[in-house]
Amino acid sequence: MNKKKWFLLPIFIVVIEGLGYLSAVLSGDVGKKYAALELPPLAPPGKVFGIVWPILYLLLAISLYLVVTSRRAERRLAVRPFIAAMALNFIWSPLFFGLGLFWAAALVIILMDFVTAMTLRAFARVKAASAWLLAPYLLWLLFATYLNISIAMLN
């Protein structure tokens, strides 16, 4: 692989981590708002999110990198649902924490689950490792969907 392609990896990492950070900033004081919510069983302490999300964003960036740098023709089509999933990811936190629209956020996260599953399937056709790197994100999203719906019901 040439140097130009390796240069893409840190760019993807910075962009995806940056989008996650910007989404959090647009959401206000997420930690304070989370602590004020009535939480369902299995809800983790707020500080867990600050550890998990950067790791998941890193895995997303590496997964995207593997697809984009692949020589497979399907890579262009595979990137489309990824972009849609990232757009949904970006708006979820401001909806949920920033605006307190728990049910609207629930609809967004359910859509995000489906689009991420489509992305995982599309990435698997291009490079299996990229799909495996998406799997923890999808699992976390499913858990977050449980949290979102439960919080919407409780608050």
N, C-alpha and C. Protein backbone atom coordinates (compact mmCIF):
# COMPACT_ATOMS: atom_id res chain seq x y z
N MET A 1 0.84 -1.17 0.00
CA MET A 1 0.00 0.00 0.00
C MET A 1 0.89 1.24 0.00
N ASN A 2 0.51 2.23 -0.80
CA ASN A 2 1.37 3.41 -0.89
C ASN A 2 1.12 4.39 0.25
N LYS A 3 2.04 5.37 0.37
CA LYS A 3 1.96 6.32 1.47
C LYS A 3 0.69 7.17 1.41
N LYS A 4 0.21 7.46 0.23
CA LYS A 4 -1.00 8.26 0.10
C LYS A 4 -2.18 7.58 0.79
N LYS A 5 -2.30 6.28 0.63
CA LYS A 5 -3.41 5.57 1.27
C LYS A 5 -3.24 5.51 2.79
N TRP A 6 -2.02 5.34 3.28
CA TRP A 6 -1.80 5.32 4.73
C TRP A 6 -2.14 6.66 5.34
N PHE A 7 -1.95 7.72 4.59
CA PHE A 7 -2.24 9.06 5.07
C PHE A 7 -3.74 9.23 5.35
N LEU A 8 -4.58 8.45 4.69
CA LEU A 8 -6.02 8.55 4.89
C LEU A 8 -6.46 8.12 6.29
N LEU A 9 -5.77 7.16 6.87
CA LEU A 9 -6.19 6.64 8.18
C LEU A 9 -6.24 7.72 9.25
N PRO A 10 -5.19 8.50 9.46
CA PRO A 10 -5.30 9.55 10.50
C PRO A 10 -6.36 10.60 10.14
N ILE A 11 -6.57 10.84 8.86
CA ILE A 11 -7.62 11.80 8.46
C ILE A 11 -8.98 11.25 8.86
N PHE A 12 -9.24 9.99 8.57
CA PHE A 12 -10.52 9.38 8.93
C PHE A 12 -10.71 9.39 10.45
N ILE A 13 -9.64 9.10 11.17
CA ILE A 13 -9.73 9.09 12.64
C ILE A 13 -10.09 10.48 13.16
N VAL A 14 -9.39 11.50 12.68
CA VAL A 14 -9.65 12.86 13.15
C VAL A 14 -11.06 13.31 12.78
N VAL A 15 -11.49 13.01 11.56
CA VAL A 15 -12.83 13.44 11.12
C VAL A 15 -13.92 12.75 11.93
N ILE A 16 -13.83 11.44 12.09
CA ILE A 16 -14.89 10.72 12.80
C ILE A 16 -14.88 11.04 14.30
N GLU A 17 -13.71 11.09 14.91
CA GLU A 17 -13.64 11.49 16.32
C GLU A 17 -14.14 12.93 16.48
N GLY A 18 -13.77 13.78 15.52
CA GLY A 18 -14.19 15.18 15.56
C GLY A 18 -15.69 15.34 15.45
N LEU A 19 -16.32 14.54 14.60
CA LEU A 19 -17.78 14.59 14.47
C LEU A 19 -18.44 14.16 15.78
N GLY A 20 -17.90 13.13 16.41
CA GLY A 20 -18.42 12.69 17.70
C GLY A 20 -18.28 13.77 18.76
N TYR A 21 -17.14 14.42 18.77
CA TYR A 21 -16.89 15.49 19.73
C TYR A 21 -17.84 16.67 19.48
N LEU A 22 -17.98 17.07 18.21
CA LEU A 22 -18.85 18.19 17.87
C LEU A 22 -20.30 17.90 18.24
N SER A 23 -20.74 16.67 17.99
CA SER A 23 -22.09 16.28 18.36
C SER A 23 -22.30 16.41 19.86
N ALA A 24 -21.31 16.00 20.64
CA ALA A 24 -21.39 16.10 22.10
C ALA A 24 -21.42 17.57 22.53
N VAL A 25 -20.61 18.40 21.92
CA VAL A 25 -20.58 19.82 22.26
C VAL A 25 -21.93 20.47 21.98
N LEU A 26 -22.53 20.10 20.84
CA LEU A 26 -23.84 20.66 20.48
C LEU A 26 -24.96 20.18 21.41
N SER A 27 -24.68 19.16 22.19
CA SER A 27 -25.68 18.57 23.07
C SER A 27 -25.71 19.19 24.46
N GLY A 28 -24.78 20.06 24.77
CA GLY A 28 -24.72 20.67 26.10
C GLY A 28 -23.96 19.79 27.08
N ASP A 29 -24.23 19.98 28.35
CA ASP A 29 -23.54 19.22 29.40
C ASP A 29 -24.16 17.84 29.52
N VAL A 30 -23.68 16.92 28.68
CA VAL A 30 -24.25 15.58 28.59
C VAL A 30 -24.16 14.84 29.93
N GLY A 31 -23.03 14.93 30.58
CA GLY A 31 -22.84 14.24 31.86
C GLY A 31 -23.85 14.68 32.91
N LYS A 32 -24.07 15.98 33.02
CA LYS A 32 -25.02 16.52 33.98
C LYS A 32 -26.45 16.10 33.63
N LYS A 33 -26.78 16.15 32.34
CA LYS A 33 -28.13 15.77 31.90
C LYS A 33 -28.38 14.28 32.11
N TYR A 34 -27.38 13.46 31.83
CA TYR A 34 -27.52 12.01 32.03
C TYR A 34 -27.73 11.69 33.50
N ALA A 35 -26.97 12.35 34.36
CA ALA A 35 -27.07 12.10 35.80
C ALA A 35 -28.45 12.50 36.36
N ALA A 36 -29.12 13.45 35.70
CA ALA A 36 -30.42 13.92 36.17
C ALA A 36 -31.58 13.02 35.71
N LEU A 37 -31.31 12.09 34.81
CA LEU A 37 -32.37 11.22 34.27
C LEU A 37 -32.70 10.07 35.22
N GLU A 38 -33.94 9.63 35.14
CA GLU A 38 -34.29 8.37 35.79
C GLU A 38 -33.83 7.29 34.83
N LEU A 39 -32.94 6.42 35.31
CA LEU A 39 -32.29 5.44 34.44
C LEU A 39 -32.86 4.03 34.64
N PRO A 40 -32.83 3.25 33.56
CA PRO A 40 -33.33 1.88 33.64
C PRO A 40 -32.27 0.95 34.23
N PRO A 41 -32.67 -0.28 34.53
CA PRO A 41 -31.67 -1.28 34.94
C PRO A 41 -30.63 -1.42 33.82
N LEU A 42 -29.44 -1.75 34.18
CA LEU A 42 -28.30 -1.94 33.27
C LEU A 42 -27.69 -0.64 32.74
N ALA A 43 -28.24 0.50 33.13
CA ALA A 43 -27.66 1.77 32.68
C ALA A 43 -26.29 1.94 33.31
N PRO A 44 -25.26 2.17 32.49
CA PRO A 44 -23.92 2.33 33.04
C PRO A 44 -23.73 3.72 33.65
N PRO A 45 -22.71 3.87 34.48
CA PRO A 45 -22.36 5.21 34.98
C PRO A 45 -22.00 6.11 33.80
N GLY A 46 -22.26 7.39 33.92
CA GLY A 46 -22.01 8.33 32.84
C GLY A 46 -20.59 8.32 32.30
N LYS A 47 -19.61 8.09 33.17
CA LYS A 47 -18.22 8.15 32.72
C LYS A 47 -17.87 7.03 31.74
N VAL A 48 -18.67 5.97 31.70
CA VAL A 48 -18.43 4.87 30.76
C VAL A 48 -18.53 5.36 29.32
N PHE A 49 -19.46 6.26 29.06
CA PHE A 49 -19.67 6.75 27.70
C PHE A 49 -18.44 7.49 27.16
N GLY A 50 -17.78 8.22 28.03
CA GLY A 50 -16.58 8.94 27.64
C GLY A 50 -15.42 8.03 27.31
N ILE A 51 -15.48 6.79 27.74
CA ILE A 51 -14.45 5.80 27.42
C ILE A 51 -14.85 5.02 26.16
N VAL A 52 -16.11 4.61 26.12
CA VAL A 52 -16.58 3.73 25.03
C VAL A 52 -16.63 4.45 23.69
N TRP A 53 -17.22 5.64 23.64
CA TRP A 53 -17.43 6.29 22.35
C TRP A 53 -16.14 6.59 21.59
N PRO A 54 -15.10 7.12 22.20
CA PRO A 54 -13.87 7.33 21.42
C PRO A 54 -13.29 6.03 20.84
N ILE A 55 -13.42 4.95 21.59
CA ILE A 55 -12.95 3.65 21.09
C ILE A 55 -13.79 3.21 19.90
N LEU A 56 -15.11 3.35 20.02
CA LEU A 56 -15.98 2.98 18.90
C LEU A 56 -15.72 3.84 17.68
N TYR A 57 -15.52 5.13 17.87
CA TYR A 57 -15.22 6.01 16.74
C TYR A 57 -13.89 5.62 16.08
N LEU A 58 -12.92 5.22 16.86
CA LEU A 58 -11.66 4.75 16.30
C LEU A 58 -11.89 3.50 15.44
N LEU A 59 -12.67 2.55 15.95
CA LEU A 59 -12.98 1.34 15.19
C LEU A 59 -13.72 1.67 13.90
N LEU A 60 -14.63 2.64 13.97
CA LEU A 60 -15.36 3.07 12.78
C LEU A 60 -14.40 3.64 11.73
N ALA A 61 -13.47 4.46 12.18
CA ALA A 61 -12.51 5.07 11.26
C ALA A 61 -11.63 4.01 10.59
N ILE A 62 -11.17 3.06 11.36
CA ILE A 62 -10.33 1.99 10.79
C ILE A 62 -11.15 1.15 9.82
N SER A 63 -12.38 0.85 10.18
CA SER A 63 -13.26 0.07 9.31
C SER A 63 -13.48 0.80 7.99
N LEU A 64 -13.78 2.08 8.05
CA LEU A 64 -13.97 2.87 6.83
C LEU A 64 -12.70 2.88 6.00
N TYR A 65 -11.57 3.06 6.66
CA TYR A 65 -10.29 3.06 5.96
C TYR A 65 -10.07 1.77 5.18
N LEU A 66 -10.36 0.64 5.81
CA LEU A 66 -10.17 -0.65 5.13
C LEU A 66 -11.06 -0.77 3.89
N VAL A 67 -12.25 -0.24 3.96
CA VAL A 67 -13.16 -0.30 2.82
C VAL A 67 -12.71 0.65 1.72
N VAL A 68 -12.43 1.88 2.09
CA VAL A 68 -12.06 2.90 1.10
C VAL A 68 -10.77 2.52 0.36
N THR A 69 -9.83 1.91 1.06
CA THR A 69 -8.55 1.55 0.43
C THR A 69 -8.58 0.19 -0.26
N SER A 70 -9.71 -0.47 -0.20
CA SER A 70 -9.85 -1.76 -0.88
C SER A 70 -9.87 -1.55 -2.39
N ARG A 71 -9.50 -2.57 -3.11
CA ARG A 71 -9.55 -2.51 -4.58
C ARG A 71 -10.87 -3.04 -5.13
N ARG A 72 -11.75 -3.47 -4.23
CA ARG A 72 -13.03 -4.03 -4.64
C ARG A 72 -13.95 -2.93 -5.18
N ALA A 73 -14.63 -3.23 -6.26
CA ALA A 73 -15.53 -2.26 -6.89
C ALA A 73 -16.69 -1.88 -5.97
N GLU A 74 -17.10 -2.78 -5.10
CA GLU A 74 -18.25 -2.54 -4.22
C GLU A 74 -17.98 -1.48 -3.14
N ARG A 75 -16.74 -1.06 -3.03
CA ARG A 75 -16.39 -0.16 -1.93
C ARG A 75 -17.17 1.16 -1.99
N ARG A 76 -17.41 1.66 -3.17
CA ARG A 76 -18.13 2.95 -3.28
C ARG A 76 -19.57 2.83 -2.78
N LEU A 77 -20.22 1.75 -3.13
CA LEU A 77 -21.59 1.54 -2.65
C LEU A 77 -21.62 1.27 -1.15
N ALA A 78 -20.60 0.63 -0.64
CA ALA A 78 -20.56 0.30 0.79
C ALA A 78 -20.40 1.54 1.66
N VAL A 79 -19.78 2.56 1.13
CA VAL A 79 -19.53 3.78 1.91
C VAL A 79 -20.82 4.58 2.11
N ARG A 80 -21.76 4.47 1.21
CA ARG A 80 -23.00 5.26 1.30
C ARG A 80 -23.78 5.01 2.59
N PRO A 81 -24.08 3.75 2.95
CA PRO A 81 -24.80 3.58 4.22
C PRO A 81 -23.96 4.00 5.43
N PHE A 82 -22.63 3.90 5.32
CA PHE A 82 -21.77 4.35 6.41
C PHE A 82 -21.96 5.85 6.65
N ILE A 83 -21.98 6.62 5.57
CA ILE A 83 -22.17 8.07 5.69
C ILE A 83 -23.53 8.37 6.30
N ALA A 84 -24.55 7.64 5.86
CA ALA A 84 -25.90 7.83 6.43
C ALA A 84 -25.89 7.50 7.92
N ALA A 85 -25.23 6.42 8.31
CA ALA A 85 -25.16 6.04 9.72
C ALA A 85 -24.45 7.10 10.55
N MET A 86 -23.39 7.68 10.00
CA MET A 86 -22.66 8.72 10.73
C MET A 86 -23.49 10.00 10.85
N ALA A 87 -24.28 10.31 9.84
CA ALA A 87 -25.17 11.48 9.91
C ALA A 87 -26.21 11.28 11.01
N LEU A 88 -26.78 10.08 11.07
CA LEU A 88 -27.75 9.77 12.13
C LEU A 88 -27.09 9.82 13.50
N ASN A 89 -25.88 9.28 13.58
CA ASN A 89 -25.13 9.29 14.83
C ASN A 89 -24.90 10.74 15.29
N PHE A 90 -24.57 11.60 14.35
CA PHE A 90 -24.28 13.00 14.65
C PHE A 90 -25.50 13.72 15.23
N ILE A 91 -26.69 13.44 14.71
CA ILE A 91 -27.87 14.17 15.18
C ILE A 91 -28.51 13.56 16.42
N TRP A 92 -28.17 12.29 16.74
CA TRP A 92 -28.83 11.64 17.87
C TRP A 92 -28.59 12.38 19.18
N SER A 93 -27.35 12.64 19.51
CA SER A 93 -27.03 13.24 20.81
C SER A 93 -27.66 14.63 21.00
N PRO A 94 -27.60 15.52 20.01
CA PRO A 94 -28.30 16.80 20.17
C PRO A 94 -29.81 16.63 20.34
N LEU A 95 -30.40 15.65 19.66
CA LEU A 95 -31.84 15.40 19.84
C LEU A 95 -32.13 14.92 21.26
N PHE A 96 -31.36 13.93 21.70
CA PHE A 96 -31.62 13.31 22.99
C PHE A 96 -31.23 14.23 24.14
N PHE A 97 -29.98 14.67 24.17
CA PHE A 97 -29.49 15.47 25.29
C PHE A 97 -29.74 16.96 25.11
N GLY A 98 -29.49 17.46 23.91
CA GLY A 98 -29.63 18.89 23.67
C GLY A 98 -31.06 19.38 23.74
N LEU A 99 -31.96 18.65 23.11
CA LEU A 99 -33.36 19.06 23.03
C LEU A 99 -34.29 18.26 23.94
N GLY A 100 -33.79 17.15 24.49
CA GLY A 100 -34.62 16.32 25.35
C GLY A 100 -35.76 15.63 24.62
N LEU A 101 -35.60 15.43 23.33
CA LEU A 101 -36.63 14.76 22.51
C LEU A 101 -36.35 13.26 22.49
N PHE A 102 -36.67 12.61 23.59
CA PHE A 102 -36.32 11.21 23.78
C PHE A 102 -36.97 10.29 22.75
N TRP A 103 -38.24 10.52 22.42
CA TRP A 103 -38.91 9.64 21.46
C TRP A 103 -38.43 9.89 20.03
N ALA A 104 -38.15 11.13 19.68
CA ALA A 104 -37.57 11.42 18.35
C ALA A 104 -36.19 10.77 18.24
N ALA A 105 -35.42 10.86 19.32
CA ALA A 105 -34.10 10.23 19.35
C ALA A 105 -34.23 8.72 19.24
N ALA A 106 -35.29 8.15 19.84
CA ALA A 106 -35.51 6.70 19.74
C ALA A 106 -35.74 6.29 18.29
N LEU A 107 -36.51 7.09 17.56
CA LEU A 107 -36.72 6.79 16.14
C LEU A 107 -35.42 6.87 15.35
N VAL A 108 -34.61 7.87 15.67
CA VAL A 108 -33.32 8.04 14.99
C VAL A 108 -32.40 6.86 15.30
N ILE A 109 -32.35 6.43 16.55
CA ILE A 109 -31.42 5.35 16.90
C ILE A 109 -31.89 4.01 16.32
N ILE A 110 -33.20 3.81 16.22
CA ILE A 110 -33.69 2.58 15.59
C ILE A 110 -33.30 2.58 14.10
N LEU A 111 -33.46 3.72 13.46
CA LEU A 111 -33.02 3.85 12.06
C LEU A 111 -31.51 3.63 11.96
N MET A 112 -30.79 4.17 12.93
CA MET A 112 -29.33 3.99 12.96
C MET A 112 -28.96 2.51 13.09
N ASP A 113 -29.72 1.77 13.88
CA ASP A 113 -29.48 0.32 14.01
C ASP A 113 -29.58 -0.36 12.65
N PHE A 114 -30.65 -0.06 11.93
CA PHE A 114 -30.86 -0.69 10.63
C PHE A 114 -29.80 -0.27 9.61
N VAL A 115 -29.50 1.01 9.56
CA VAL A 115 -28.51 1.50 8.59
C VAL A 115 -27.12 0.95 8.93
N THR A 116 -26.81 0.83 10.21
CA THR A 116 -25.52 0.26 10.60
C THR A 116 -25.45 -1.22 10.24
N ALA A 117 -26.54 -1.95 10.42
CA ALA A 117 -26.57 -3.36 10.02
C ALA A 117 -26.37 -3.47 8.50
N MET A 118 -26.98 -2.57 7.75
CA MET A 118 -26.78 -2.56 6.29
C MET A 118 -25.32 -2.25 5.95
N THR A 119 -24.73 -1.31 6.69
CA THR A 119 -23.33 -0.95 6.49
C THR A 119 -22.43 -2.15 6.78
N LEU A 120 -22.69 -2.83 7.88
CA LEU A 120 -21.89 -4.00 8.24
C LEU A 120 -21.95 -5.04 7.12
N ARG A 121 -23.13 -5.28 6.62
CA ARG A 121 -23.29 -6.25 5.53
C ARG A 121 -22.54 -5.80 4.27
N ALA A 122 -22.66 -4.52 3.93
CA ALA A 122 -21.97 -4.00 2.74
C ALA A 122 -20.46 -4.04 2.94
N PHE A 123 -19.99 -3.70 4.13
CA PHE A 123 -18.55 -3.73 4.41
C PHE A 123 -18.03 -5.17 4.35
N ALA A 124 -18.82 -6.12 4.81
CA ALA A 124 -18.40 -7.52 4.79
C ALA A 124 -18.15 -8.00 3.36
N ARG A 125 -18.89 -7.48 2.41
CA ARG A 125 -18.70 -7.85 1.00
C ARG A 125 -17.38 -7.31 0.45
N VAL A 126 -16.92 -6.22 1.05
CA VAL A 126 -15.68 -5.60 0.57
C VAL A 126 -14.47 -6.17 1.30
N LYS A 127 -14.54 -6.19 2.63
CA LYS A 127 -13.43 -6.68 3.46
C LYS A 127 -13.98 -7.15 4.79
N ALA A 128 -13.83 -8.42 5.09
CA ALA A 128 -14.42 -9.01 6.29
C ALA A 128 -13.95 -8.30 7.56
N ALA A 129 -12.70 -7.93 7.63
CA ALA A 129 -12.18 -7.27 8.83
C ALA A 129 -12.92 -5.97 9.12
N SER A 130 -13.32 -5.26 8.09
CA SER A 130 -14.04 -4.00 8.30
C SER A 130 -15.40 -4.26 8.95
N ALA A 131 -16.04 -5.35 8.59
CA ALA A 131 -17.32 -5.71 9.22
C ALA A 131 -17.12 -6.08 10.69
N TRP A 132 -16.07 -6.83 10.97
CA TRP A 132 -15.80 -7.21 12.37
C TRP A 132 -15.52 -5.97 13.22
N LEU A 133 -14.88 -4.98 12.64
CA LEU A 133 -14.62 -3.74 13.39
C LEU A 133 -15.89 -2.94 13.65
N LEU A 134 -16.91 -3.12 12.80
CA LEU A 134 -18.20 -2.46 12.99
C LEU A 134 -19.08 -3.18 14.02
N ALA A 135 -18.84 -4.45 14.23
CA ALA A 135 -19.70 -5.26 15.11
C ALA A 135 -19.82 -4.67 16.53
N PRO A 136 -18.73 -4.25 17.19
CA PRO A 136 -18.90 -3.67 18.53
C PRO A 136 -19.77 -2.41 18.52
N TYR A 137 -19.65 -1.62 17.47
CA TYR A 137 -20.48 -0.42 17.34
C TYR A 137 -21.96 -0.80 17.24
N LEU A 138 -22.27 -1.78 16.42
CA LEU A 138 -23.67 -2.21 16.29
C LEU A 138 -24.19 -2.76 17.61
N LEU A 139 -23.40 -3.55 18.29
CA LEU A 139 -23.82 -4.08 19.59
C LEU A 139 -24.07 -2.95 20.59
N TRP A 140 -23.18 -1.96 20.61
CA TRP A 140 -23.36 -0.82 21.52
C TRP A 140 -24.61 -0.03 21.14
N LEU A 141 -24.85 0.13 19.84
CA LEU A 141 -26.05 0.84 19.40
C LEU A 141 -27.32 0.13 19.86
N LEU A 142 -27.32 -1.19 19.78
CA LEU A 142 -28.49 -1.94 20.23
C LEU A 142 -28.71 -1.75 21.73
N PHE A 143 -27.63 -1.73 22.49
CA PHE A 143 -27.72 -1.45 23.92
C PHE A 143 -28.20 -0.02 24.14
N ALA A 144 -27.67 0.92 23.37
CA ALA A 144 -28.08 2.32 23.48
C ALA A 144 -29.55 2.49 23.10
N THR A 145 -30.03 1.67 22.19
CA THR A 145 -31.45 1.71 21.81
C THR A 145 -32.31 1.31 23.00
N TYR A 146 -31.89 0.26 23.69
CA TYR A 146 -32.59 -0.14 24.93
C TYR A 146 -32.59 1.02 25.92
N LEU A 147 -31.44 1.64 26.13
CA LEU A 147 -31.35 2.76 27.07
C LEU A 147 -32.25 3.91 26.64
N ASN A 148 -32.20 4.26 25.36
CA ASN A 148 -32.98 5.39 24.85
C ASN A 148 -34.47 5.17 25.06
N ILE A 149 -34.96 4.01 24.66
CA ILE A 149 -36.39 3.72 24.79
C ILE A 149 -36.79 3.65 26.27
N SER A 150 -35.95 3.03 27.08
CA SER A 150 -36.25 2.94 28.51
C SER A 150 -36.29 4.31 29.16
N ILE A 151 -35.34 5.15 28.82
CA ILE A 151 -35.30 6.51 29.38
C ILE A 151 -36.51 7.31 28.90
N ALA A 152 -36.89 7.14 27.65
CA ALA A 152 -38.08 7.82 27.14
C ALA A 152 -39.32 7.41 27.93
N MET A 153 -39.40 6.15 28.28
CA MET A 153 -40.56 5.66 29.04
C MET A 153 -40.53 6.15 30.50
N LEU A 154 -39.34 6.25 31.06
CA LEU A 154 -39.22 6.61 32.48
C LEU A 154 -39.25 8.11 32.75
N ASN A 155 -38.96 8.92 31.74
CA ASN A 155 -38.82 10.36 32.00
C ASN A 155 -39.89 11.17 31.30
